[in-house]
Amino acid sequence: MNPAVTLVLALASIVLIVLLTSRLKLHAFFSLILVALALALATLPADTVVTVLKGGFGGTLGAIGLIIMFGTAIGVILDRTGAAWSMADAVLRLTGRDQAPRAIGITGFIAGMPIFCDSGFIVLSGLNKSLAATSGKGMVRMAATLGVALYTLHCLIPPHPGITAAAGILGGSIGKLVLLGTIIAIPTALAGYLWVKLMAPRSETGAAAAAHETRELPGAFISFLPVVVPLALISANSATNLLGTGANGILVRALRFIGDPAIALLLGVVCAFPLLRGRGFRQTNEMLAEAVEKAGPILIITAAGGAFGAVIKATGFGDHVSALLNISSLGLLVPFALAAMLKTAQGSSTVAALTTASIVAPMLQGLGLDSESGRTLALLATGSGSMMISHANDSYFWVISRFSEISPQATLRVYSTATIVVSTCSFALTWGLSFFLR
């Protein structure tokens, strides 16, 4: 097929995904699969269409399925056992109640490692209201601080679905992505915190106190364990890569095994089991079943994104773009700008990240990013772009507004503008990191 026609059809397929998901509200899974099938039928030999679709779908599940499943299980257990509240109480004791925004921001950052941002906000919203009431801090500031802290981790590190799906499509080291993503997320979340502090109304009073959690909370140590252990193991695994391929001792092999993201998160689930003490098998099984039910829709959407990515790659899209344009000088700006535009247009960070990864994957060589470090940087740039302008077309925007009982106008003014700050800051840090990693 003529390269120009292929480019037009590929670009039209991307626009169609945005329209189907944002305007018609068609489920992301069917939007991605139907568009991928249509593009494949239009550009590929008929006898290869099914093979390409199945290969992309199954390959993505194989790369990230266990990571999402185990990460979701940890999040559900932290939610249902009150461990997230326990972590918040521990942080509050360190910061003091007069520093309630800082405390809820730190809590959101830590809890946001395994818990998806919308679930994390709902879990912590009651505590957030209570802190706002007892500290006298305004609810707009408290809600935006928590929202940004959770959102930053959600877009940058696995096991969150968008960046995890992108990693499955682009390749690269998930361990390195977790480590570097966390390092970038810390100053990025701080920038968001400072912006919220600047923009939140000074005259706003605290919200009415929410009902306090009355059940007995688990201890802080066992509450933090399911989060800290996987992060430490994955970081240790990444550190062994500095030893080179020649390092092959028993300790190194053991660290590489238990530090594999899937195994590390499975061990995180094991570390969460003490939180279930006193609960019968039926309750425990209900929590695990809930995790499976929550992970299922995420898995099929990310796998559909993998199928779309496989079709985009098979069309030769990346080669055609490289031949027409001098994209080598653009580098990381391409995945960032694509993800930012897609996120702002259709609202979902997950769809923005996996669609961007599908487009960028065949262009990596032309962008000068076809190495393990380059792929990791491309993923971080994609995650940074997928933070850009969370507004009224993003379901998370409405979670923040409704659960905090603040107006959409206030949410736009403080939280939405903060997402521009964190997106830009994250990309700037990624770009700076590229001078040391390539």
Protein backbone atom coordinates (compact mmCIF):
# COMPACT_ATOMS: atom_id res chain seq x y z
CA MET A 1 0.00 0.00 0.00
CA ASN A 2 1.11 3.54 -0.70
CA PRO A 3 2.96 4.94 2.40
CA ALA A 4 0.98 8.19 2.28
CA VAL A 5 -2.32 6.27 2.35
CA THR A 6 -1.06 4.13 5.24
CA LEU A 7 -0.14 7.24 7.21
CA VAL A 8 -3.53 8.83 6.62
CA LEU A 9 -5.38 5.66 7.67
CA ALA A 10 -3.22 5.26 10.80
CA LEU A 11 -3.78 8.88 11.83
CA ALA A 12 -7.51 8.53 11.10
CA SER A 13 -7.64 5.46 13.36
CA ILE A 14 -6.16 7.47 16.23
CA VAL A 15 -8.72 10.26 15.75
CA LEU A 16 -11.48 7.64 15.60
CA ILE A 17 -10.41 6.16 18.95
CA VAL A 18 -10.59 9.61 20.54
CA LEU A 19 -14.07 10.23 19.09
CA LEU A 20 -15.42 6.82 20.08
CA THR A 21 -14.17 7.03 23.67
CA SER A 22 -14.85 10.71 24.34
CA ARG A 23 -17.86 11.65 22.21
CA LEU A 24 -19.80 8.40 21.86
CA LYS A 25 -18.62 7.04 25.23
CA LEU A 26 -18.01 3.62 23.69
CA HIS A 27 -16.07 1.35 26.06
CA ALA A 28 -12.32 1.66 25.50
CA PHE A 29 -11.95 -2.10 24.87
CA PHE A 30 -14.38 -2.14 21.95
CA SER A 31 -13.08 1.18 20.64
CA LEU A 32 -9.53 -0.15 20.46
CA ILE A 33 -10.39 -3.60 19.11
CA LEU A 34 -12.81 -2.38 16.44
CA VAL A 35 -10.45 0.34 15.22
CA ALA A 36 -7.50 -2.07 15.27
CA LEU A 37 -9.50 -4.59 13.21
CA ALA A 38 -10.62 -1.95 10.72
CA LEU A 39 -7.07 -0.62 10.30
CA ALA A 40 -5.67 -4.14 9.90
CA LEU A 41 -8.25 -5.05 7.24
CA ALA A 42 -7.47 -1.83 5.37
CA THR A 43 -3.67 -2.09 5.42
CA LEU A 44 -2.53 -5.69 6.01
CA PRO A 45 -2.84 -8.92 3.99
CA ALA A 46 -6.06 -10.66 4.99
CA ASP A 47 -4.31 -13.85 6.09
CA THR A 48 -2.19 -11.96 8.66
CA VAL A 49 -4.93 -9.88 10.33
CA VAL A 50 -6.00 -12.39 12.98
CA THR A 51 -2.41 -13.40 13.74
CA VAL A 52 -1.33 -9.79 14.32
CA LEU A 53 -4.34 -9.01 16.52
CA LYS A 54 -3.92 -12.14 18.64
CA GLY A 55 -0.18 -11.64 18.93
CA GLY A 56 -0.55 -8.07 20.18
CA PHE A 57 -3.38 -8.97 22.56
CA GLY A 58 -1.68 -12.00 24.10
CA GLY A 59 1.80 -10.50 24.14
CA THR A 60 0.62 -7.52 26.16
CA LEU A 61 -1.20 -9.72 28.66
CA GLY A 62 1.91 -11.85 29.07
CA ALA A 63 4.06 -8.80 29.72
CA ILE A 64 1.91 -6.98 32.27
CA GLY A 65 -1.01 -9.21 33.33
CA LEU A 66 0.47 -10.53 36.59
CA ILE A 67 1.80 -7.11 37.56
CA ILE A 68 -1.64 -5.51 37.31
CA MET A 69 -3.34 -8.46 39.03
CA PHE A 70 -1.04 -8.53 42.07
CA GLY A 71 -0.94 -4.74 42.33
CA THR A 72 -4.73 -4.62 42.36
CA ALA A 73 -4.86 -7.28 45.09
CA ILE A 74 -2.55 -5.22 47.32
CA GLY A 75 -4.69 -2.14 46.75
CA VAL A 76 -7.93 -3.93 47.65
CA ILE A 77 -6.46 -5.37 50.86
CA LEU A 78 -5.08 -1.98 51.94
CA ASP A 79 -8.51 -0.50 51.31
CA ARG A 80 -10.69 -3.15 52.95
CA THR A 81 -8.55 -3.65 56.06
CA GLY A 82 -8.12 0.04 56.92
CA ALA A 83 -4.36 -0.10 56.29
CA ALA A 84 -4.53 3.08 54.16
CA TRP A 85 -6.03 4.91 57.15
CA SER A 86 -3.34 3.49 59.40
CA MET A 87 -0.63 4.81 57.09
CA ALA A 88 -2.30 8.22 57.11
CA ASP A 89 -2.42 8.25 60.92
CA ALA A 90 1.29 7.37 61.08
CA VAL A 91 2.20 10.20 58.70
CA LEU A 92 -0.04 12.63 60.59
CA ARG A 93 1.75 11.86 63.84
CA LEU A 94 5.03 12.80 62.17
CA THR A 95 3.86 16.02 60.52
CA GLY A 96 1.42 17.28 63.14
CA ARG A 97 -2.26 18.08 62.60
CA ASP A 98 -1.48 21.70 61.66
CA GLN A 99 0.33 20.31 58.61
CA ALA A 100 -2.71 18.36 57.41
CA PRO A 101 -2.23 19.13 53.67
CA ARG A 102 1.35 17.88 53.84
CA ALA A 103 0.24 14.76 55.72
CA ILE A 104 -2.51 13.87 53.24
CA GLY A 105 -0.12 14.53 50.35
CA ILE A 106 2.50 12.14 51.74
CA THR A 107 -0.18 9.56 52.49
CA GLY A 108 -1.56 9.84 48.96
CA PHE A 109 1.93 9.45 47.51
CA ILE A 110 2.68 6.29 49.50
CA ALA A 111 -0.78 4.74 49.10
CA GLY A 112 -0.72 5.67 45.41
CA MET A 113 2.08 3.21 44.67
CA PRO A 114 -0.22 0.15 44.58
CA ILE A 115 -3.69 1.79 44.68
CA PHE A 116 -5.19 3.32 41.53
CA CYS A 117 -5.81 7.05 41.89
CA ASP A 118 -9.63 7.00 41.80
CA SER A 119 -9.85 4.12 44.28
CA GLY A 120 -7.23 5.73 46.53
CA PHE A 121 -9.08 9.04 46.57
CA ILE A 122 -12.37 7.38 47.48
CA VAL A 123 -10.68 5.36 50.24
CA LEU A 124 -9.02 8.43 51.77
CA SER A 125 -11.76 11.00 51.14
CA GLY A 126 -13.39 10.49 54.55
CA LEU A 127 -10.08 10.97 56.33
CA ASN A 128 -9.37 13.99 54.14
CA LYS A 129 -12.62 15.67 55.19
CA SER A 130 -11.93 14.97 58.86
CA LEU A 131 -8.44 16.46 58.59
CA ALA A 132 -9.81 19.53 56.83
CA ALA A 133 -12.40 20.05 59.57
CA THR A 134 -10.08 19.54 62.54
CA SER A 135 -7.13 21.49 61.09
CA GLY A 136 -9.13 24.36 59.64
CA LYS A 137 -7.52 23.89 56.22
CA GLY A 138 -9.73 24.50 53.20
CA MET A 139 -11.28 21.51 51.45
CA VAL A 140 -10.20 22.70 48.00
CA ARG A 141 -6.56 22.65 49.10
CA MET A 142 -6.88 19.29 50.86
CA ALA A 143 -8.71 17.64 47.95
CA ALA A 144 -6.36 18.96 45.27
CA THR A 145 -3.28 17.98 47.30
CA LEU A 146 -4.50 14.40 47.72
CA GLY A 147 -5.67 14.23 44.11
CA VAL A 148 -2.33 15.36 42.68
CA ALA A 149 -0.27 13.05 44.92
CA LEU A 150 -2.24 9.98 43.84
CA TYR A 151 -2.36 11.08 40.19
CA THR A 152 1.41 11.54 39.88
CA LEU A 153 2.15 7.93 40.85
CA HIS A 154 -0.77 6.63 38.80
CA CYS A 155 0.69 8.02 35.57
CA LEU A 156 4.37 7.20 36.14
CA ILE A 157 4.91 3.77 37.67
CA PRO A 158 3.60 0.20 37.39
CA PRO A 159 1.35 -1.53 38.40
CA HIS A 160 -0.92 1.30 37.26
CA PRO A 161 -2.61 0.32 34.00
CA GLY A 162 -1.63 3.06 31.54
CA ILE A 163 2.11 3.11 32.12
CA THR A 164 2.18 -0.69 32.61
CA ALA A 165 0.41 -1.25 29.28
CA ALA A 166 2.80 1.20 27.62
CA ALA A 167 5.73 -0.76 29.07
CA GLY A 168 4.29 -3.95 27.62
CA ILE A 169 4.15 -2.32 24.18
CA LEU A 170 7.43 -0.39 24.20
CA GLY A 171 9.49 -2.93 26.14
CA GLY A 172 12.31 -1.82 28.43
CA SER A 173 12.94 -2.62 32.07
CA ILE A 174 9.90 -2.37 34.31
CA GLY A 175 12.20 -2.47 37.34
CA LYS A 176 14.13 0.54 36.07
CA LEU A 177 10.83 2.25 35.23
CA VAL A 178 9.57 1.79 38.81
CA LEU A 179 12.82 3.08 40.29
CA LEU A 180 13.27 6.10 38.01
CA GLY A 181 9.54 6.83 37.94
CA THR A 182 9.46 7.01 41.73
CA ILE A 183 12.53 9.29 41.79
CA ILE A 184 10.90 11.65 39.28
CA ALA A 185 7.51 11.48 41.02
CA ILE A 186 8.87 12.87 44.31
CA PRO A 187 9.87 16.38 43.09
CA THR A 188 6.93 16.32 40.66
CA ALA A 189 4.43 15.75 43.49
CA LEU A 190 6.19 18.45 45.52
CA ALA A 191 5.77 20.91 42.63
CA GLY A 192 2.07 20.02 42.50
CA TYR A 193 1.75 20.49 46.27
CA LEU A 194 3.33 23.96 46.11
CA TRP A 195 1.11 24.98 43.19
CA VAL A 196 -2.02 23.89 45.05
CA LYS A 197 -0.87 25.82 48.13
CA LEU A 198 -0.42 28.91 45.95
CA MET A 199 -3.74 28.61 44.10
CA ALA A 200 -6.11 27.41 46.85
CA PRO A 201 -8.36 30.10 48.34
CA ARG A 202 -6.88 31.66 51.48
CA SER A 203 -10.26 32.47 53.02
CA GLU A 204 -11.74 29.00 52.64
CA THR A 205 -12.74 27.28 55.88
CA GLY A 206 -12.44 23.62 56.70
CA ALA A 207 -15.13 21.17 55.63
CA ALA A 208 -17.63 19.62 57.99
CA ALA A 209 -16.07 16.64 59.74
CA ALA A 210 -16.68 13.32 58.07
CA ALA A 211 -17.57 10.24 60.04
CA HIS A 212 -14.47 8.81 61.67
CA GLU A 213 -13.38 5.25 61.06
CA THR A 214 -14.53 3.32 64.11
CA ARG A 215 -13.02 -0.10 63.49
CA GLU A 216 -9.67 -0.99 64.96
CA LEU A 217 -6.92 -0.14 62.50
CA PRO A 218 -3.93 -2.40 61.83
CA GLY A 219 -0.46 -1.35 62.97
CA ALA A 220 1.54 1.08 60.87
CA PHE A 221 4.42 -1.36 60.27
CA ILE A 222 2.33 -4.11 58.70
CA SER A 223 0.30 -1.49 56.82
CA PHE A 224 3.39 -0.10 55.09
CA LEU A 225 4.95 -3.52 54.44
CA PRO A 226 2.96 -4.48 51.29
CA VAL A 227 4.04 -1.19 49.67
CA VAL A 228 7.65 -0.98 50.85
CA VAL A 229 8.72 -4.59 50.25
CA PRO A 230 7.90 -4.76 46.49
CA LEU A 231 9.45 -1.33 45.90
CA ALA A 232 12.64 -2.35 47.74
CA LEU A 233 12.90 -5.67 45.88
CA ILE A 234 12.35 -4.09 42.46
CA SER A 235 14.93 -1.41 43.27
CA ALA A 236 17.43 -4.07 44.40
CA ASN A 237 16.88 -5.97 41.16
CA SER A 238 17.55 -2.79 39.16
CA ALA A 239 20.71 -2.19 41.21
CA THR A 240 22.08 -5.62 40.22
CA ASN A 241 22.08 -4.44 36.59
CA LEU A 242 24.86 -2.03 37.53
CA LEU A 243 27.05 -5.06 38.24
CA GLY A 244 26.94 -6.05 34.57
CA THR A 245 25.95 -9.28 32.88
CA GLY A 246 29.03 -11.06 34.26
CA ALA A 247 27.70 -10.94 37.83
CA ASN A 248 26.04 -14.30 38.33
CA GLY A 249 26.46 -15.23 42.00
CA ILE A 250 23.77 -16.88 44.10
CA LEU A 251 22.82 -13.62 45.80
CA VAL A 252 22.58 -11.75 42.49
CA ARG A 253 20.45 -14.50 40.93
CA ALA A 254 18.19 -14.54 43.99
CA LEU A 255 17.75 -10.76 43.90
CA ARG A 256 16.95 -10.84 40.20
CA PHE A 257 14.31 -13.52 40.78
CA ILE A 258 12.53 -11.96 43.75
CA GLY A 259 13.05 -8.47 42.32
CA ASP A 260 11.23 -9.30 39.09
CA PRO A 261 8.17 -6.97 39.27
CA ALA A 262 5.65 -9.82 39.08
CA ILE A 263 7.36 -11.82 41.86
CA ALA A 264 7.98 -8.69 43.97
CA LEU A 265 4.30 -7.75 43.82
CA LEU A 266 3.27 -11.32 44.62
CA LEU A 267 5.48 -11.10 47.71
CA GLY A 268 3.73 -7.79 48.45
CA VAL A 269 0.43 -9.68 48.46
CA VAL A 270 1.97 -12.20 50.88
CA CYS A 271 3.12 -9.32 53.09
CA ALA A 272 -0.48 -8.05 53.10
CA PHE A 273 -1.82 -11.31 54.55
CA PRO A 274 -1.08 -10.29 58.19
CA LEU A 275 -3.57 -7.47 57.65
CA LEU A 276 -6.22 -10.17 57.19
CA ARG A 277 -5.64 -11.66 60.64
CA GLY A 278 -8.94 -12.37 62.39
CA ARG A 279 -10.86 -12.59 59.14
CA GLY A 280 -12.17 -15.94 58.02
CA PHE A 281 -11.42 -17.65 54.74
CA ARG A 282 -14.68 -16.39 53.26
CA GLN A 283 -13.84 -12.71 53.86
CA THR A 284 -10.31 -13.17 52.58
CA ASN A 285 -11.56 -14.91 49.47
CA GLU A 286 -14.08 -12.11 48.90
CA MET A 287 -11.25 -9.55 48.88
CA LEU A 288 -9.20 -11.60 46.44
CA ALA A 289 -12.26 -12.08 44.24
CA GLU A 290 -12.84 -8.32 44.32
CA ALA A 291 -9.26 -7.81 43.15
CA VAL A 292 -9.82 -10.17 40.22
CA GLU A 293 -13.04 -8.36 39.30
CA LYS A 294 -11.30 -4.96 39.41
CA ALA A 295 -8.27 -6.14 37.45
CA GLY A 296 -10.29 -7.86 34.72
CA PRO A 297 -11.56 -4.74 32.89
CA ILE A 298 -8.12 -3.13 33.15
CA LEU A 299 -6.44 -6.20 31.69
CA ILE A 300 -8.70 -6.44 28.67
CA ILE A 301 -8.35 -2.72 27.89
CA THR A 302 -4.56 -2.87 28.08
CA ALA A 303 -4.52 -6.04 25.96
CA ALA A 304 -6.76 -4.33 23.38
CA GLY A 305 -4.24 -1.51 23.35
CA GLY A 306 -1.55 -4.09 22.66
CA ALA A 307 -3.56 -5.40 19.70
CA PHE A 308 -3.92 -1.88 18.30
CA GLY A 309 -0.19 -1.31 18.80
CA ALA A 310 0.66 -4.50 16.96
CA VAL A 311 -1.43 -3.39 13.98
CA ILE A 312 0.15 0.08 13.97
CA LYS A 313 3.59 -1.55 13.99
CA ALA A 314 2.67 -4.00 11.23
CA THR A 315 1.51 -1.17 8.95
CA GLY A 316 5.03 0.27 8.93
CA PHE A 317 3.75 3.53 10.41
CA GLY A 318 7.00 4.32 12.21
CA ASP A 319 9.16 3.74 9.16
CA HIS A 320 6.91 5.91 7.00
CA VAL A 321 6.98 8.78 9.53
CA SER A 322 10.75 8.51 9.85
CA ALA A 323 11.12 8.62 6.06
CA LEU A 324 8.93 11.71 5.72
CA LEU A 325 10.13 13.70 8.72
CA ASN A 326 13.41 14.32 10.50
CA ILE A 327 12.18 13.12 13.88
CA SER A 328 15.55 12.21 15.40
CA SER A 329 15.93 15.73 16.77
CA LEU A 330 12.53 15.61 18.49
CA GLY A 331 13.32 12.61 20.69
CA LEU A 332 11.33 12.53 23.92
CA LEU A 333 9.12 15.41 22.85
CA VAL A 334 7.18 13.08 20.51
CA PRO A 335 5.80 10.65 23.14
CA PHE A 336 5.20 13.50 25.59
CA ALA A 337 3.29 15.67 23.12
CA LEU A 338 1.24 12.75 21.75
CA ALA A 339 0.22 11.57 25.22
CA ALA A 340 -0.57 15.12 26.32
CA MET A 341 -2.83 15.75 23.32
CA LEU A 342 -4.60 12.41 23.63
CA LYS A 343 -5.12 12.80 27.38
CA THR A 344 -6.51 16.32 27.08
CA ALA A 345 -8.77 15.34 24.17
CA GLN A 346 -10.39 12.19 25.53
CA GLY A 347 -9.76 12.22 29.29
CA SER A 348 -8.32 8.79 30.06
CA SER A 349 -4.65 8.62 31.07
CA THR A 350 -4.71 4.86 30.40
CA VAL A 351 -5.97 5.21 26.84
CA ALA A 352 -3.58 8.12 26.21
CA ALA A 353 -0.54 6.15 27.41
CA LEU A 354 -1.24 2.89 25.60
CA THR A 355 -2.26 4.65 22.36
CA THR A 356 0.89 6.77 22.48
CA ALA A 357 3.02 3.68 23.08
CA SER A 358 1.38 1.97 20.09
CA ILE A 359 2.23 4.93 17.85
CA VAL A 360 5.75 5.49 19.19
CA ALA A 361 6.93 1.85 19.34
CA PRO A 362 7.80 1.58 15.62
CA MET A 363 9.40 5.05 15.73
CA LEU A 364 11.88 4.38 18.55
CA GLN A 365 14.88 3.91 16.28
CA GLY A 366 14.14 7.09 14.36
CA LEU A 367 13.75 8.97 17.64
CA GLY A 368 17.08 7.71 18.92
CA LEU A 369 15.38 5.81 21.75
CA ASP A 370 15.91 2.21 20.62
CA SER A 371 17.83 1.03 23.71
CA GLU A 372 16.77 -0.14 27.18
CA SER A 373 17.45 3.30 28.66
CA GLY A 374 15.83 5.01 25.67
CA ARG A 375 12.67 2.93 26.02
CA THR A 376 12.50 3.71 29.74
CA LEU A 377 12.86 7.42 29.00
CA ALA A 378 10.16 7.15 26.32
CA LEU A 379 7.87 5.52 28.89
CA LEU A 380 8.53 8.29 31.42
CA ALA A 381 7.84 10.92 28.76
CA THR A 382 4.62 9.11 27.86
CA GLY A 383 3.57 8.96 31.52
CA SER A 384 4.37 12.65 31.92
CA GLY A 385 2.20 13.53 28.93
CA SER A 386 -0.66 11.36 30.20
CA MET A 387 -0.94 13.68 33.24
CA MET A 388 -1.69 16.74 31.12
CA ILE A 389 -4.86 18.66 31.94
CA SER A 390 -7.21 16.42 33.85
CA HIS A 391 -10.51 18.24 33.40
CA ALA A 392 -14.24 17.62 32.89
CA ASN A 393 -13.80 14.71 30.43
CA ASP A 394 -11.76 12.76 33.02
CA SER A 395 -13.71 10.59 35.48
CA TYR A 396 -11.03 11.21 38.14
CA PHE A 397 -11.80 14.95 37.97
CA TRP A 398 -15.37 14.22 39.02
CA VAL A 399 -14.27 11.79 41.75
CA ILE A 400 -12.26 14.62 43.32
CA SER A 401 -15.06 17.16 42.95
CA ARG A 402 -17.97 15.02 44.14
CA PHE A 403 -16.33 13.09 46.97
CA SER A 404 -14.85 16.32 48.36
CA GLU A 405 -18.06 18.30 47.80
CA ILE A 406 -16.28 21.16 46.05
CA SER A 407 -17.47 22.92 42.92
CA PRO A 408 -16.27 21.95 39.44
CA GLN A 409 -15.07 25.55 39.00
CA ALA A 410 -12.82 25.30 42.07
CA THR A 411 -11.58 21.88 40.96
CA LEU A 412 -10.69 23.29 37.54
CA ARG A 413 -8.94 26.34 38.99
CA VAL A 414 -6.76 24.45 41.49
CA TYR A 415 -6.54 20.76 40.61
CA SER A 416 -6.68 20.96 36.80
CA THR A 417 -4.05 23.69 36.64
CA ALA A 418 -1.89 21.61 38.99
CA THR A 419 -1.96 18.74 36.48
CA ILE A 420 -0.37 21.07 33.90
CA VAL A 421 2.38 21.84 36.44
CA VAL A 422 3.08 18.20 37.33
CA SER A 423 3.01 17.08 33.70
CA THR A 424 5.49 19.77 32.65
CA CYS A 425 7.70 19.22 35.69
CA SER A 426 7.79 15.45 35.17
CA PHE A 427 8.76 15.84 31.53
CA ALA A 428 11.45 18.40 32.35
CA LEU A 429 12.98 15.97 34.86
CA THR A 430 12.78 13.12 32.34
CA TRP A 431 14.46 15.26 29.70
CA GLY A 432 17.21 16.19 32.19
CA LEU A 433 17.66 12.51 33.07
CA SER A 434 18.17 11.68 29.40
CA PHE A 435 21.57 13.40 29.42
CA PHE A 436 22.82 10.81 31.93
CA LEU A 437 21.11 7.62 30.69
CA ARG A 438 21.60 7.48 26.93
